[in-house]
Amino acid sequence: MEQRRVLITGAGSGLGRALAFCFSENGWRVACADINIDSANETVRQITQFGVGAMALWVDVADDASVEEMRDEVLAAWDGVDIVINNAGVASAGAVAATSLDDWRWTMNINFMGVVRGTCAFLPVLLRQGRGRIVNIASFAGIANAPNMGAYSASKAAVISLSETLRAELALSAVGIKVSVVCPAFFKTSLMTTARAPEKDRVLAERLMAAASETADDVAAAIYNGVLRGDFLILPTRAEAMRWRLKRFLPNLFLRKLLQACRPRTR
């Protein structure tokens, strides 16, 4: 059977690297794309132990031409791709009134438009093939919409909306292409390394990530299994399925619990 092929952006660290490990362990050829080519090369070096084909690619998902060049490199090497995972992203935090327009543009350009660029670059390839899957990494922040995360939450909500729209369009056209959108909450990762956030918000996020029970490997495994099942909405951290239902069916109760969790605790 022909070896399956997956492209992962942001594969140089964190969840992207964990996904590269997960797919390669299961026999997939992996293209590891990252804005830090040294990190992408290190991921490739580590996953070659599994005896699968792997390559490192430089990409800046905030740049149209860079994403198109990445696509062309993938097609030159493989002549096709089975799964495209739009994972590259950044973190930001801060109250809406205190977030600069530059930070809004930076967050949206990478987190949302990066996914748009990846989708627009590879969707015609999948359509020509008549098969494949696009996997967009969003966040439960795009569902919960917590205080002091306006730009980040909006960027991830936009990824969810794009994924839902594309799912409907592909369902109407009856082609063999599927879409998944992934919405994890906090898990152990280094996402805050490049974050734009006030110090108090950075410290809080790092503490929540450190306290999380799930690792990037746990989340990657849940994503892999959800993709193979054909799930559209993948909630890879344990509590989020319940929280998603609470938000959907009892939104006012969800808001009260969200505000309660966000208020400073008094001794």
C-alpha atoms as a PDB file:
ATOM      1  CA  MET A   1       0.000   0.000   0.000  1.00  0.00           C
ATOM      2  CA  GLU A   2       1.294   3.470  -0.873  1.00  0.00           C
ATOM      3  CA  GLN A   3       2.719   5.268   2.142  1.00  0.00           C
ATOM      4  CA  ARG A   4       0.455   8.097   3.287  1.00  0.00           C
ATOM      5  CA  ARG A   5       1.727  11.683   3.388  1.00  0.00           C
ATOM      6  CA  VAL A   6       1.033  14.495   5.864  1.00  0.00           C
ATOM      7  CA  LEU A   7       2.183  18.120   5.926  1.00  0.00           C
ATOM      8  CA  ILE A   8       2.315  19.841   9.321  1.00  0.00           C
ATOM      9  CA  THR A   9       3.007  23.547   9.756  1.00  0.00           C
ATOM     10  CA  GLY A  10       4.582  24.670  13.013  1.00  0.00           C
ATOM     11  CA  ALA A  11       6.210  21.232  13.255  1.00  0.00           C
ATOM     12  CA  GLY A  12       9.407  22.516  14.836  1.00  0.00           C
ATOM     13  CA  SER A  13       8.106  22.443  18.401  1.00  0.00           C
ATOM     14  CA  GLY A  14       5.130  21.868  20.694  1.00  0.00           C
ATOM     15  CA  LEU A  15       2.009  20.282  19.281  1.00  0.00           C
ATOM     16  CA  GLY A  16       3.388  20.369  15.729  1.00  0.00           C
ATOM     17  CA  ARG A  17       6.398  18.258  16.702  1.00  0.00           C
ATOM     18  CA  ALA A  18       4.184  15.902  18.715  1.00  0.00           C
ATOM     19  CA  LEU A  19       1.935  15.452  15.664  1.00  0.00           C
ATOM     20  CA  ALA A  20       4.983  14.727  13.506  1.00  0.00           C
ATOM     21  CA  PHE A  21       6.037  12.011  15.969  1.00  0.00           C
ATOM     22  CA  CYS A  22       2.532  10.538  16.113  1.00  0.00           C
ATOM     23  CA  PHE A  23       2.072  10.317  12.367  1.00  0.00           C
ATOM     24  CA  SER A  24       5.583   8.995  11.732  1.00  0.00           C
ATOM     25  CA  GLU A  25       5.177   6.326  14.419  1.00  0.00           C
ATOM     26  CA  ASN A  26       2.159   5.150  12.473  1.00  0.00           C
ATOM     27  CA  GLY A  27       4.062   4.911   9.203  1.00  0.00           C
ATOM     28  CA  TRP A  28       3.254   8.233   7.534  1.00  0.00           C
ATOM     29  CA  ARG A  29       5.711  10.287   5.528  1.00  0.00           C
ATOM     30  CA  VAL A  30       5.873  13.693   7.206  1.00  0.00           C
ATOM     31  CA  ALA A  31       6.710  17.147   5.852  1.00  0.00           C
ATOM     32  CA  CYS A  32       7.720  19.317   8.808  1.00  0.00           C
ATOM     33  CA  ALA A  33       7.273  23.015   8.013  1.00  0.00           C
ATOM     34  CA  ASP A  34       8.263  25.791  10.398  1.00  0.00           C
ATOM     35  CA  ILE A  35       9.456  29.388  10.400  1.00  0.00           C
ATOM     36  CA  ASN A  36      12.482  28.108  12.341  1.00  0.00           C
ATOM     37  CA  ILE A  37      14.163  25.746   9.873  1.00  0.00           C
ATOM     38  CA  ASP A  38      16.639  24.511  12.495  1.00  0.00           C
ATOM     39  CA  SER A  39      13.730  23.351  14.667  1.00  0.00           C
ATOM     40  CA  ALA A  40      12.075  21.686  11.678  1.00  0.00           C
ATOM     41  CA  ASN A  41      15.327  19.901  10.859  1.00  0.00           C
ATOM     42  CA  GLU A  42      15.580  18.719  14.457  1.00  0.00           C
ATOM     43  CA  THR A  43      12.067  17.276  14.286  1.00  0.00           C
ATOM     44  CA  VAL A  44      13.013  15.446  11.082  1.00  0.00           C
ATOM     45  CA  ARG A  45      16.208  14.154  12.699  1.00  0.00           C
ATOM     46  CA  GLN A  46      14.247  12.756  15.618  1.00  0.00           C
ATOM     47  CA  ILE A  47      11.503  11.063  13.593  1.00  0.00           C
ATOM     48  CA  THR A  48      13.788   9.332  11.098  1.00  0.00           C
ATOM     49  CA  GLN A  49      14.249   6.647  13.774  1.00  0.00           C
ATOM     50  CA  PHE A  50      10.842   5.343  12.713  1.00  0.00           C
ATOM     51  CA  GLY A  51      12.130   4.538   9.234  1.00  0.00           C
ATOM     52  CA  VAL A  52       9.701   6.814   7.376  1.00  0.00           C
ATOM     53  CA  GLY A  53      10.359   9.528   4.842  1.00  0.00           C
ATOM     54  CA  ALA A  54      10.533  13.018   6.328  1.00  0.00           C
ATOM     55  CA  MET A  55      11.567  16.437   5.106  1.00  0.00           C
ATOM     56  CA  ALA A  56      11.973  19.874   6.653  1.00  0.00           C
ATOM     57  CA  LEU A  57      10.589  22.982   4.967  1.00  0.00           C
ATOM     58  CA  TRP A  58      10.871  26.651   5.846  1.00  0.00           C
ATOM     59  CA  VAL A  59       7.581  28.552   5.831  1.00  0.00           C
ATOM     60  CA  ASP A  60       6.207  31.824   7.105  1.00  0.00           C
ATOM     61  CA  VAL A  61       2.442  31.302   7.211  1.00  0.00           C
ATOM     62  CA  ALA A  62       1.992  35.084   7.460  1.00  0.00           C
ATOM     63  CA  ASP A  63       3.287  35.444   3.891  1.00  0.00           C
ATOM     64  CA  ASP A  64       1.332  34.409   0.773  1.00  0.00           C
ATOM     65  CA  ALA A  65       4.353  33.600  -1.396  1.00  0.00           C
ATOM     66  CA  SER A  66       6.035  31.572   1.360  1.00  0.00           C
ATOM     67  CA  VAL A  67       3.021  29.278   1.767  1.00  0.00           C
ATOM     68  CA  GLU A  68       2.753  28.804  -1.994  1.00  0.00           C
ATOM     69  CA  GLU A  69       6.466  27.966  -2.176  1.00  0.00           C
ATOM     70  CA  MET A  70       5.985  25.385   0.597  1.00  0.00           C
ATOM     71  CA  ARG A  71       3.151  23.797  -1.400  1.00  0.00           C
ATOM     72  CA  ASP A  72       5.319  23.638  -4.514  1.00  0.00           C
ATOM     73  CA  GLU A  73       8.156  21.977  -2.573  1.00  0.00           C
ATOM     74  CA  VAL A  74       5.761  19.370  -1.193  1.00  0.00           C
ATOM     75  CA  LEU A  75       4.355  18.595  -4.634  1.00  0.00           C
ATOM     76  CA  ALA A  76       7.831  18.408  -6.165  1.00  0.00           C
ATOM     77  CA  ALA A  77       8.830  15.814  -3.569  1.00  0.00           C
ATOM     78  CA  TRP A  78       5.612  13.831  -3.277  1.00  0.00           C
ATOM     79  CA  ASP A  79       3.364  14.734  -6.212  1.00  0.00           C
ATOM     80  CA  GLY A  80       0.457  14.974  -3.787  1.00  0.00           C
ATOM     81  CA  VAL A  81      -0.501  14.994  -0.110  1.00  0.00           C
ATOM     82  CA  ASP A  82      -3.116  13.151   1.942  1.00  0.00           C
ATOM     83  CA  ILE A  83      -3.505  15.394   5.006  1.00  0.00           C
ATOM     84  CA  VAL A  84      -2.658  19.066   5.473  1.00  0.00           C
ATOM     85  CA  ILE A  85      -2.487  20.193   9.105  1.00  0.00           C
ATOM     86  CA  ASN A  86      -2.631  23.974   9.527  1.00  0.00           C
ATOM     87  CA  ASN A  87      -1.082  24.057  12.986  1.00  0.00           C
ATOM     88  CA  ALA A  88       1.291  27.045  13.071  1.00  0.00           C
ATOM     89  CA  GLY A  89       0.082  29.752  15.430  1.00  0.00           C
ATOM     90  CA  VAL A  90       0.947  32.259  18.115  1.00  0.00           C
ATOM     91  CA  ALA A  91      -0.460  33.238  21.493  1.00  0.00           C
ATOM     92  CA  SER A  92      -1.665  36.640  22.603  1.00  0.00           C
ATOM     93  CA  ALA A  93      -3.595  37.989  25.551  1.00  0.00           C
ATOM     94  CA  GLY A  94      -4.869  41.217  27.028  1.00  0.00           C
ATOM     95  CA  ALA A  95      -8.113  43.124  27.427  1.00  0.00           C
ATOM     96  CA  VAL A  96      -9.774  44.339  24.233  1.00  0.00           C
ATOM     97  CA  ALA A  97      -9.344  47.973  25.289  1.00  0.00           C
ATOM     98  CA  ALA A  98      -5.636  47.435  25.971  1.00  0.00           C
ATOM     99  CA  THR A  99      -4.711  45.394  22.883  1.00  0.00           C
ATOM    100  CA  SER A 100      -3.002  47.410  20.158  1.00  0.00           C
ATOM    101  CA  LEU A 101      -4.163  47.240  16.556  1.00  0.00           C
ATOM    102  CA  ASP A 102      -0.716  45.934  15.676  1.00  0.00           C
ATOM    103  CA  ASP A 103      -1.203  42.996  18.055  1.00  0.00           C
ATOM    104  CA  TRP A 104      -4.640  42.351  16.547  1.00  0.00           C
ATOM    105  CA  ARG A 105      -3.144  42.303  13.045  1.00  0.00           C
ATOM    106  CA  TRP A 106      -0.227  40.077  14.134  1.00  0.00           C
ATOM    107  CA  THR A 107      -2.508  37.538  15.822  1.00  0.00           C
ATOM    108  CA  MET A 108      -5.112  37.416  13.049  1.00  0.00           C
ATOM    109  CA  ASN A 109      -2.538  37.308  10.250  1.00  0.00           C
ATOM    110  CA  ILE A 110      -0.816  34.239  11.670  1.00  0.00           C
ATOM    111  CA  ASN A 111      -3.586  32.339  13.458  1.00  0.00           C
ATOM    112  CA  PHE A 112      -6.417  32.937  11.001  1.00  0.00           C
ATOM    113  CA  MET A 113      -4.933  34.085   7.714  1.00  0.00           C
ATOM    114  CA  GLY A 114      -2.189  31.479   8.068  1.00  0.00           C
ATOM    115  CA  VAL A 115      -4.915  28.829   8.038  1.00  0.00           C
ATOM    116  CA  VAL A 116      -6.628  30.567   5.114  1.00  0.00           C
ATOM    117  CA  ARG A 117      -3.354  30.583   3.165  1.00  0.00           C
ATOM    118  CA  GLY A 118      -2.699  26.911   3.871  1.00  0.00           C
ATOM    119  CA  THR A 119      -6.240  25.983   2.908  1.00  0.00           C
ATOM    120  CA  CYS A 120      -6.242  28.014  -0.311  1.00  0.00           C
ATOM    121  CA  ALA A 121      -2.832  26.677  -1.322  1.00  0.00           C
ATOM    122  CA  PHE A 122      -3.664  22.999  -0.876  1.00  0.00           C
ATOM    123  CA  LEU A 123      -7.408  22.758  -1.483  1.00  0.00           C
ATOM    124  CA  PRO A 124      -7.009  22.812  -5.306  1.00  0.00           C
ATOM    125  CA  VAL A 125      -4.444  19.990  -4.943  1.00  0.00           C
ATOM    126  CA  LEU A 126      -6.884  17.878  -2.933  1.00  0.00           C
ATOM    127  CA  LEU A 127      -9.693  18.656  -5.374  1.00  0.00           C
ATOM    128  CA  ARG A 128      -7.572  17.426  -8.273  1.00  0.00           C
ATOM    129  CA  GLN A 129      -6.754  14.276  -6.327  1.00  0.00           C
ATOM    130  CA  GLY A 130     -10.382  13.775  -5.368  1.00  0.00           C
ATOM    131  CA  ARG A 131      -9.374  12.844  -1.815  1.00  0.00           C
ATOM    132  CA  GLY A 132      -7.602  14.144   1.281  1.00  0.00           C
ATOM    133  CA  ARG A 133      -8.258  16.013   4.494  1.00  0.00           C
ATOM    134  CA  ILE A 134      -7.574  19.483   5.838  1.00  0.00           C
ATOM    135  CA  VAL A 135      -7.056  19.671   9.608  1.00  0.00           C
ATOM    136  CA  ASN A 136      -7.208  23.146  11.128  1.00  0.00           C
ATOM    137  CA  ILE A 137      -5.865  23.637  14.641  1.00  0.00           C
ATOM    138  CA  ALA A 138      -8.103  26.143  16.436  1.00  0.00           C
ATOM    139  CA  SER A 139      -8.569  26.279  20.208  1.00  0.00           C
ATOM    140  CA  PHE A 140     -11.313  25.961  22.799  1.00  0.00           C
ATOM    141  CA  ALA A 141     -10.632  29.675  23.319  1.00  0.00           C
ATOM    142  CA  GLY A 142     -12.560  30.201  20.078  1.00  0.00           C
ATOM    143  CA  ILE A 143     -15.599  28.636  21.756  1.00  0.00           C
ATOM    144  CA  ALA A 144     -15.241  29.847  25.347  1.00  0.00           C
ATOM    145  CA  ASN A 145     -14.291  33.475  24.533  1.00  0.00           C
ATOM    146  CA  ALA A 146     -12.844  34.193  27.961  1.00  0.00           C
ATOM    147  CA  PRO A 147     -11.946  37.697  29.196  1.00  0.00           C
ATOM    148  CA  ASN A 148      -8.530  39.138  28.299  1.00  0.00           C
ATOM    149  CA  MET A 149      -8.112  36.886  25.251  1.00  0.00           C
ATOM    150  CA  GLY A 150      -9.970  38.932  22.641  1.00  0.00           C
ATOM    151  CA  ALA A 151      -7.549  38.796  19.702  1.00  0.00           C
ATOM    152  CA  TYR A 152      -6.545  35.185  20.286  1.00  0.00           C
ATOM    153  CA  SER A 153     -10.112  33.962  20.782  1.00  0.00           C
ATOM    154  CA  ALA A 154     -11.345  35.866  17.735  1.00  0.00           C
ATOM    155  CA  SER A 155      -8.601  34.373  15.565  1.00  0.00           C
ATOM    156  CA  LYS A 156      -9.474  30.857  16.688  1.00  0.00           C
ATOM    157  CA  ALA A 157     -13.236  31.423  16.352  1.00  0.00           C
ATOM    158  CA  ALA A 158     -12.543  32.518  12.779  1.00  0.00           C
ATOM    159  CA  VAL A 159     -10.700  29.229  12.148  1.00  0.00           C
ATOM    160  CA  ILE A 160     -13.732  27.315  13.444  1.00  0.00           C
ATOM    161  CA  SER A 161     -16.071  29.334  11.212  1.00  0.00           C
ATOM    162  CA  LEU A 162     -13.851  28.813   8.152  1.00  0.00           C
ATOM    163  CA  SER A 163     -13.736  25.078   8.830  1.00  0.00           C
ATOM    164  CA  GLU A 164     -17.529  24.835   9.184  1.00  0.00           C
ATOM    165  CA  THR A 165     -18.034  26.758   5.947  1.00  0.00           C
ATOM    166  CA  LEU A 166     -15.561  24.597   4.048  1.00  0.00           C
ATOM    167  CA  ARG A 167     -17.173  21.453   5.449  1.00  0.00           C
ATOM    168  CA  ALA A 168     -20.555  22.556   4.110  1.00  0.00           C
ATOM    169  CA  GLU A 169     -19.151  23.496   0.706  1.00  0.00           C
ATOM    170  CA  LEU A 170     -17.396  20.155   0.311  1.00  0.00           C
ATOM    171  CA  ALA A 171     -20.532  18.293   1.416  1.00  0.00           C
ATOM    172  CA  LEU A 172     -22.510  20.026  -1.341  1.00  0.00           C
ATOM    173  CA  SER A 173     -19.938  19.149  -3.992  1.00  0.00           C
ATOM    174  CA  ALA A 174     -19.875  15.455  -3.011  1.00  0.00           C
ATOM    175  CA  VAL A 175     -16.080  15.185  -3.303  1.00  0.00           C
ATOM    176  CA  GLY A 176     -13.928  12.882  -1.208  1.00  0.00           C
ATOM    177  CA  ILE A 177     -12.306  15.648   0.821  1.00  0.00           C
ATOM    178  CA  LYS A 178     -12.969  16.102   4.519  1.00  0.00           C
ATOM    179  CA  VAL A 179     -12.253  18.782   7.109  1.00  0.00           C
ATOM    180  CA  SER A 180     -11.459  18.589  10.807  1.00  0.00           C
ATOM    181  CA  VAL A 181     -11.144  21.456  13.273  1.00  0.00           C
ATOM    182  CA  VAL A 182      -9.312  20.890  16.551  1.00  0.00           C
ATOM    183  CA  CYS A 183     -10.150  22.811  19.740  1.00  0.00           C
ATOM    184  CA  PRO A 184      -7.860  21.946  22.662  1.00  0.00           C
ATOM    185  CA  ALA A 185      -7.795  23.816  25.940  1.00  0.00           C
ATOM    186  CA  PHE A 186      -4.650  24.172  28.056  1.00  0.00           C
ATOM    187  CA  PHE A 187      -2.025  21.447  27.800  1.00  0.00           C
ATOM    188  CA  LYS A 188       1.706  21.329  28.482  1.00  0.00           C
ATOM    189  CA  THR A 189       3.374  23.281  25.689  1.00  0.00           C
ATOM    190  CA  SER A 190       5.764  26.176  25.039  1.00  0.00           C
ATOM    191  CA  LEU A 191       3.224  28.308  23.155  1.00  0.00           C
ATOM    192  CA  MET A 192       3.769  31.325  25.429  1.00  0.00           C
ATOM    193  CA  THR A 193       7.436  31.612  24.404  1.00  0.00           C
ATOM    194  CA  THR A 194       6.588  33.970  21.535  1.00  0.00           C
ATOM    195  CA  ALA A 195       3.330  35.326  22.985  1.00  0.00           C
ATOM    196  CA  ARG A 196       2.346  38.978  23.032  1.00  0.00           C
ATOM    197  CA  ALA A 197       0.695  39.404  26.407  1.00  0.00           C
ATOM    198  CA  PRO A 198       0.829  41.471  29.605  1.00  0.00           C
ATOM    199  CA  GLU A 199       3.027  39.837  32.202  1.00  0.00           C
ATOM    200  CA  LYS A 200       0.128  38.874  34.489  1.00  0.00           C
ATOM    201  CA  ASP A 201      -1.696  37.144  31.628  1.00  0.00           C
ATOM    202  CA  ARG A 202       1.496  35.398  30.510  1.00  0.00           C
ATOM    203  CA  VAL A 203       2.151  34.113  34.016  1.00  0.00           C
ATOM    204  CA  LEU A 204      -1.429  32.867  34.378  1.00  0.00           C
ATOM    205  CA  ALA A 205      -1.349  31.050  31.037  1.00  0.00           C
ATOM    206  CA  GLU A 206       1.998  29.425  31.807  1.00  0.00           C
ATOM    207  CA  ARG A 207       0.680  28.285  35.188  1.00  0.00           C
ATOM    208  CA  LEU A 208      -2.441  26.758  33.608  1.00  0.00           C
ATOM    209  CA  MET A 209      -0.351  24.982  30.989  1.00  0.00           C
ATOM    210  CA  ALA A 210       2.033  23.632  33.607  1.00  0.00           C
ATOM    211  CA  ALA A 211      -0.895  22.395  35.737  1.00  0.00           C
ATOM    212  CA  ALA A 212      -2.629  20.657  32.818  1.00  0.00           C
ATOM    213  CA  SER A 213      -2.781  16.867  32.967  1.00  0.00           C
ATOM    214  CA  GLU A 214      -2.382  16.382  29.216  1.00  0.00           C
ATOM    215  CA  THR A 215       0.865  16.735  27.288  1.00  0.00           C
ATOM    216  CA  ALA A 216       1.348  17.660  23.646  1.00  0.00           C
ATOM    217  CA  ASP A 217       1.800  13.938  22.929  1.00  0.00           C
ATOM    218  CA  ASP A 218      -1.591  13.179  24.511  1.00  0.00           C
ATOM    219  CA  VAL A 219      -3.266  15.869  22.423  1.00  0.00           C
ATOM    220  CA  ALA A 220      -1.512  14.714  19.243  1.00  0.00           C
ATOM    221  CA  ALA A 221      -2.704  11.133  19.790  1.00  0.00           C
ATOM    222  CA  ALA A 222      -6.283  12.304  20.298  1.00  0.00           C
ATOM    223  CA  ILE A 223      -6.086  14.374  17.107  1.00  0.00           C
ATOM    224  CA  TYR A 224      -4.645  11.451  15.132  1.00  0.00           C
ATOM    225  CA  ASN A 225      -7.413   9.113  16.277  1.00  0.00           C
ATOM    226  CA  GLY A 226     -10.108  11.723  15.611  1.00  0.00           C
ATOM    227  CA  VAL A 227      -8.820  12.375  12.110  1.00  0.00           C
ATOM    228  CA  LEU A 228      -8.742   8.649  11.292  1.00  0.00           C
ATOM    229  CA  ARG A 229     -12.327   8.304  12.581  1.00  0.00           C
ATOM    230  CA  GLY A 230     -13.364  11.155  10.290  1.00  0.00           C
ATOM    231  CA  ASP A 231     -14.445  13.490  13.111  1.00  0.00           C
ATOM    232  CA  PHE A 232     -15.148  17.095  12.175  1.00  0.00           C
ATOM    233  CA  LEU A 233     -14.916  18.712  15.638  1.00  0.00           C
ATOM    234  CA  ILE A 234     -12.063  17.244  17.659  1.00  0.00           C
ATOM    235  CA  LEU A 235     -11.905  18.180  21.351  1.00  0.00           C
ATOM    236  CA  PRO A 236      -8.638  16.535  22.408  1.00  0.00           C
ATOM    237  CA  THR A 237      -8.521  17.662  26.038  1.00  0.00           C
ATOM    238  CA  ARG A 238     -10.762  15.750  28.431  1.00  0.00           C
ATOM    239  CA  ALA A 239     -13.030  18.366  29.999  1.00  0.00           C
ATOM    240  CA  GLU A 240     -13.870  20.230  26.793  1.00  0.00           C
ATOM    241  CA  ALA A 241     -16.590  17.903  25.504  1.00  0.00           C
ATOM    242  CA  MET A 242     -18.652  18.675  28.614  1.00  0.00           C
ATOM    243  CA  ARG A 243     -17.827  22.380  28.467  1.00  0.00           C
ATOM    244  CA  TRP A 244     -18.764  22.527  24.770  1.00  0.00           C
ATOM    245  CA  ARG A 245     -22.190  21.029  25.557  1.00  0.00           C
ATOM    246  CA  LEU A 246     -22.661  23.435  28.463  1.00  0.00           C
ATOM    247  CA  LYS A 247     -21.829  26.428  26.237  1.00  0.00           C
ATOM    248  CA  ARG A 248     -24.147  25.168  23.493  1.00  0.00           C
ATOM    249  CA  PHE A 249     -27.192  24.266  25.541  1.00  0.00           C
ATOM    250  CA  LEU A 250     -26.870  26.461  28.662  1.00  0.00           C
ATOM    251  CA  PRO A 251     -24.911  29.534  27.521  1.00  0.00           C
ATOM    252  CA  ASN A 252     -25.860  31.740  30.490  1.00  0.00           C
ATOM    253  CA  LEU A 253     -24.754  29.087  32.967  1.00  0.00           C
ATOM    254  CA  PHE A 254     -21.525  28.668  31.009  1.00  0.00           C
ATOM    255  CA  LEU A 255     -20.898  32.427  31.226  1.00  0.00           C
ATOM    256  CA  ARG A 256     -21.473  32.450  34.990  1.00  0.00           C
ATOM    257  CA  LYS A 257     -19.016  29.598  35.477  1.00  0.00           C
ATOM    258  CA  LEU A 258     -16.501  31.244  33.141  1.00  0.00           C
ATOM    259  CA  LEU A 259     -16.650  34.534  35.053  1.00  0.00           C
ATOM    260  CA  GLN A 260     -16.384  32.689  38.355  1.00  0.00           C
ATOM    261  CA  ALA A 261     -13.225  30.949  37.132  1.00  0.00           C
ATOM    262  CA  CYS A 262     -11.722  34.221  35.900  1.00  0.00           C
ATOM    263  CA  ARG A 263     -12.325  36.313  39.022  1.00  0.00           C
ATOM    264  CA  PRO A 264      -9.306  36.710  41.316  1.00  0.00           C
ATOM    265  CA  ARG A 265      -9.480  34.363  44.258  1.00  0.00           C
ATOM    266  CA  THR A 266      -9.484  35.936  47.730  1.00  0.00           C
ATOM    267  CA  ARG A 267      -7.969  34.273  50.759  1.00  0.00           C
END
